[in-house]
Each structure stands twice: as C-alpha cells, then as structure tokens.
Amino acid sequence: MSKTSLTHPGNANSEEVLARKETINQVFSLFRINYHNQYHSAFGSDELLGQAKRLWLDGLQRFDNETILRGAKRVMETSDYLPTLNKMIRACEGEPAQHGLPAPYSAYQEACGAPSPKAEANWSHPAVYLAGKEAGWFMLASNAEKTAFPIFKQCYEKYCEQVLAGNKLSMPEIKALPEDIGEPLSKEENQKRMADLRSQLDL
C-alpha cells in the first residue's frame, strides 16, 4: 500500500502544518507496524487511509507533536487493538493524576473543608477552588452530600477537561494590604465626617 499524504490547500508552505502532517504520518506508520492485520483491515484503500489521517489531523490539533507521539506509544503499550480517535485523544490527555488533579470525591471533600478566606487556602489544584466557587460555597456548606456532590462534580469535571486539554488554570490574585494605612482620625474628625455624611444624605 502506498503512503497516503495529507494535503491542506493554502497551508502547504507552513512549516507548522507540514510538521504536524509528518507527525500524523509517523503515528500511522507506528500503528501499521504494531497492529499490522487490524491496520490493513481498517484502512483497505488509500482513500480510507487518507480520510482517517485527515480526521486525526483535525481531532488532535490541540496537542503538540511530541504529545501526539507519546500518546501513540502509550496506546501501543497498553492496548492490543488499533485505537479509535477518541482513545488516542485520551492517551494524549493523560490521566488526571498526572496533572495533579485529585479524584472528584477527594476534591469535593477538600472544597467542603477549606477554611476561609477560600482564595487563600492551600489548594491541591486551582481546579478544586474554581469548582467550589462555581458550585457555591454556601451551597456546599448548607446541603447534604447527596445533593451537593453531584453539583460540585459537574463543575469540577468541566475544569478537569480544560486542564487535560492543555489549559493552565490559576488562582485569583490576592491583593496585599497596604503597609501604610494612614493615621487614625481623631474623635472630632470622625464626628465631623459623620455630620457631613448625614447632611449629604439629608438625614
């Protein structure tokens, strides 16, 4: 079977696109060697092979070339079957623990037990804080686990997906208090300011 190339009109001179197409070709070459019979059964013609490569080129575009190659090697080390695009995406994303993400229930317990102010707590990962904030700290504190956990889990998994897709989450910036807070007002000055305020408010 001849090597099927990938073509994207208008982008042929782009070094980045050419490098990505070569990476996809390398992945399919690895699969051809490792999954010989399955590979030829799945891609019985150059047309089918070309369609598959274009599909994978689009589906894996958010990953860099090294990540794609590592994902392909991970699939071959763990599976006896030719992977689908979905399985390849999961292999490129890696396991949540590899990104420092705790399991959903552990994250829920962490969010429920975090002291206030929440933004200054020692979080295992920003995704836990962001999920707790989105779910609502009051909701987590005032509802039973059977109600609160599913809500938190849905928020948390959304942020986990962002992390697995390569996005970096960050904690909100905590502004330090000014070192010089000024001299306290005297009793007379406080009374004058209060009188002025009442006058402005017509009290």
Protein backbone atom coordinates (compact mmCIF):
# COMPACT_ATOMS: atom_id res chain seq x y z
CA MET A 1 0.00 0.00 0.00
CA SER A 2 1.47 3.37 -0.94
CA LYS A 3 1.97 6.11 1.63
CA THR A 4 -1.02 8.42 1.64
CA SER A 5 -0.13 12.06 2.15
CA LEU A 6 -2.15 14.76 3.84
CA THR A 7 -2.96 17.90 1.92
CA HIS A 8 -4.48 21.11 3.19
CA PRO A 9 -4.82 23.61 0.32
CA GLY A 10 -3.36 27.00 1.11
CA ASN A 11 -1.28 25.75 4.03
CA ALA A 12 1.28 23.68 2.13
CA ASN A 13 4.11 26.12 2.83
CA SER A 14 3.52 26.32 6.56
CA GLU A 15 6.33 24.61 8.48
CA GLU A 16 4.00 24.00 11.42
CA VAL A 17 1.37 22.31 9.27
CA LEU A 18 3.97 20.24 7.46
CA ALA A 19 5.46 19.11 10.78
CA ARG A 20 2.00 18.18 12.06
CA LYS A 21 1.21 16.16 8.94
CA GLU A 22 4.51 14.35 9.29
CA THR A 23 3.67 13.55 12.91
CA ILE A 24 0.32 12.05 11.89
CA ASN A 25 2.10 10.03 9.20
CA GLN A 26 4.56 8.75 11.84
CA VAL A 27 1.69 7.73 14.12
CA PHE A 28 0.00 5.75 11.35
CA SER A 29 3.32 4.13 10.45
CA LEU A 30 3.75 3.01 14.05
CA PHE A 31 0.22 1.62 14.08
CA ARG A 32 0.82 -0.17 10.76
CA ILE A 33 3.82 -1.96 12.27
CA ASN A 34 2.23 -2.67 15.65
CA TYR A 35 -1.33 -3.52 14.52
CA HIS A 36 -0.48 -4.99 11.12
CA ASN A 37 -3.57 -7.10 10.36
CA GLN A 38 -6.02 -4.74 12.08
CA TYR A 39 -4.45 -1.76 10.34
CA HIS A 40 -4.79 -3.21 6.84
CA SER A 41 -8.31 -4.40 7.61
CA ALA A 42 -9.36 -0.92 8.78
CA PHE A 43 -7.62 1.01 6.01
CA GLY A 44 -8.05 -1.22 3.00
CA SER A 45 -7.59 1.56 0.47
CA ASP A 46 -5.60 4.76 0.07
CA GLU A 47 -8.88 6.68 0.13
CA LEU A 48 -9.88 5.30 3.55
CA LEU A 49 -6.39 5.88 4.90
CA GLY A 50 -6.36 9.47 3.68
CA GLN A 51 -9.77 10.14 5.25
CA ALA A 52 -8.62 8.69 8.57
CA LYS A 53 -5.45 10.79 8.57
CA ARG A 54 -7.38 13.99 7.85
CA LEU A 55 -9.83 13.13 10.65
CA TRP A 56 -7.00 12.58 13.12
CA LEU A 57 -5.19 15.72 11.94
CA ASP A 58 -8.25 17.78 12.86
CA GLY A 59 -9.08 15.83 16.02
CA LEU A 60 -5.59 16.11 17.52
CA GLN A 61 -4.87 19.70 16.55
CA ARG A 62 -4.87 20.99 20.14
CA PHE A 63 -1.91 18.78 21.08
CA ASP A 64 1.72 19.43 20.20
CA ASN A 65 3.62 16.93 18.08
CA GLU A 66 5.59 15.40 20.95
CA THR A 67 2.40 14.81 22.93
CA ILE A 68 0.81 13.06 19.95
CA LEU A 69 3.77 10.72 19.53
CA ARG A 70 3.83 9.97 23.27
CA GLY A 71 0.11 9.25 23.12
CA ALA A 72 0.60 6.81 20.25
CA LYS A 73 3.34 4.98 22.14
CA ARG A 74 1.18 4.88 25.27
CA VAL A 75 -1.68 3.31 23.29
CA MET A 76 0.60 0.65 21.82
CA GLU A 77 1.96 -0.19 25.27
CA THR A 78 -1.47 -0.60 26.83
CA SER A 79 -3.78 -1.89 24.10
CA ASP A 80 -3.80 -4.87 21.76
CA TYR A 81 -6.30 -3.16 19.50
CA LEU A 82 -5.98 -0.40 16.94
CA PRO A 83 -7.19 2.74 18.74
CA THR A 84 -10.09 4.95 17.77
CA LEU A 85 -9.56 8.71 17.59
CA ASN A 86 -11.34 9.07 20.95
CA LYS A 87 -8.94 6.63 22.62
CA MET A 88 -6.00 8.44 21.07
CA ILE A 89 -7.25 11.76 22.44
CA ARG A 90 -7.50 10.22 25.92
CA ALA A 91 -3.97 8.90 25.58
CA CYS A 92 -2.69 12.36 24.63
CA GLU A 93 -4.54 13.98 27.51
CA GLY A 94 -3.06 11.58 30.06
CA GLU A 95 -4.56 10.58 33.40
CA PRO A 96 -5.93 13.36 35.66
CA ALA A 97 -3.48 12.38 38.42
CA GLN A 98 -0.60 13.13 36.05
CA HIS A 99 -1.79 16.74 36.03
CA GLY A 100 -2.08 16.94 39.81
CA LEU A 101 -5.88 16.66 39.74
CA PRO A 102 -7.41 14.78 42.69
CA ALA A 103 -10.31 12.38 42.21
CA PRO A 104 -13.74 14.11 42.20
CA TYR A 105 -14.79 12.96 45.67
CA SER A 106 -11.43 13.91 47.20
CA ALA A 107 -11.75 17.30 45.53
CA TYR A 108 -15.26 17.66 46.96
CA GLN A 109 -14.06 16.89 50.48
CA GLU A 110 -11.21 19.36 50.06
CA ALA A 111 -13.61 22.08 48.91
CA CYS A 112 -16.01 21.45 51.79
CA GLY A 113 -13.24 21.50 54.39
CA ALA A 114 -11.29 24.51 53.12
CA PRO A 115 -11.03 27.40 55.59
CA SER A 116 -11.99 30.97 54.79
CA PRO A 117 -10.94 33.09 53.05
CA LYS A 118 -11.19 30.42 50.37
CA ALA A 119 -8.85 32.09 47.88
CA GLU A 120 -6.01 31.96 50.44
CA ALA A 121 -6.45 28.29 51.36
CA ASN A 122 -3.78 25.75 50.38
CA TRP A 123 -5.46 24.07 47.42
CA SER A 124 -4.14 20.89 45.80
CA HIS A 125 -5.07 22.30 42.38
CA PRO A 126 -6.77 25.52 41.17
CA ALA A 127 -9.49 23.36 39.57
CA VAL A 128 -10.74 22.40 43.04
CA TYR A 129 -11.06 26.03 44.14
CA LEU A 130 -12.68 27.13 40.87
CA ALA A 131 -15.19 24.28 41.01
CA GLY A 132 -16.05 25.09 44.61
CA LYS A 133 -16.50 28.76 43.78
CA GLU A 134 -18.73 27.97 40.80
CA ALA A 135 -20.81 25.44 42.72
CA GLY A 136 -21.16 27.95 45.55
CA TRP A 137 -19.51 27.82 48.97
CA PHE A 138 -22.84 28.36 50.72
CA MET A 139 -24.43 25.57 48.68
CA LEU A 140 -21.64 23.18 49.64
CA ALA A 141 -21.91 24.10 53.30
CA SER A 142 -25.68 24.03 53.59
CA ASN A 143 -26.63 20.92 51.61
CA ALA A 144 -26.24 17.21 52.22
CA GLU A 145 -23.58 15.37 50.27
CA LYS A 146 -26.12 13.57 48.06
CA THR A 147 -27.25 16.98 46.82
CA ALA A 148 -24.02 18.96 46.88
CA PHE A 149 -21.56 16.43 45.48
CA PRO A 150 -23.21 15.95 42.04
CA ILE A 151 -23.30 19.73 41.57
CA PHE A 152 -19.66 20.11 42.58
CA LYS A 153 -18.62 17.11 40.48
CA GLN A 154 -20.18 18.57 37.34
CA CYS A 155 -18.30 21.86 37.86
CA TYR A 156 -15.06 20.09 38.73
CA GLU A 157 -15.09 17.80 35.71
CA LYS A 158 -15.52 20.82 33.46
CA TYR A 159 -12.32 22.35 34.83
CA CYS A 160 -10.55 18.98 34.66
CA GLU A 161 -11.37 18.80 30.96
CA GLN A 162 -9.77 22.22 30.48
CA VAL A 163 -6.61 21.07 32.24
CA LEU A 164 -6.47 17.84 30.24
CA ALA A 165 -6.85 19.87 27.06
CA GLY A 166 -3.71 21.79 27.95
CA ASN A 167 -5.18 24.92 29.53
CA LYS A 168 -3.49 26.30 32.62
CA LEU A 169 -5.78 27.31 35.47
CA SER A 170 -4.70 29.89 38.02
CA MET A 171 -5.86 31.15 41.37
CA PRO A 172 -7.22 34.71 41.68
CA GLU A 173 -4.63 37.30 42.55
CA ILE A 174 -4.72 38.23 46.21
CA LYS A 175 -4.04 41.90 46.74
CA ALA A 176 -1.80 42.62 49.72
CA LEU A 177 -2.92 45.20 52.24
CA PRO A 178 -1.02 48.50 52.01
CA GLU A 179 1.78 48.82 54.53
CA ASP A 180 0.81 52.42 55.33
CA ILE A 181 -2.85 52.61 56.29
CA GLY A 182 -2.54 56.22 57.46
CA GLU A 183 -3.12 57.86 60.79
CA PRO A 184 -6.44 57.14 62.55
CA LEU A 185 -8.88 60.02 62.64
CA SER A 186 -9.49 61.84 65.90
CA LYS A 187 -12.86 61.72 67.63
CA GLU A 188 -13.65 65.24 66.48
CA GLU A 189 -12.75 64.46 62.85
CA ASN A 190 -14.88 61.32 62.91
CA GLN A 191 -17.84 63.28 64.27
CA LYS A 192 -17.37 65.98 61.59
CA ARG A 193 -17.27 63.38 58.78
CA MET A 194 -20.37 61.69 60.15
CA ALA A 195 -22.19 65.05 60.30
CA ASP A 196 -21.17 65.83 56.72
CA LEU A 197 -22.38 62.42 55.57
CA ARG A 198 -25.73 62.85 57.29
CA SER A 199 -26.08 66.26 55.71
CA GLN A 200 -25.36 64.86 52.25
CA LEU A 201 -27.92 62.10 52.79
CA ASP A 202 -30.42 64.55 54.27
CA LEU A 203 -30.73 62.53 57.49
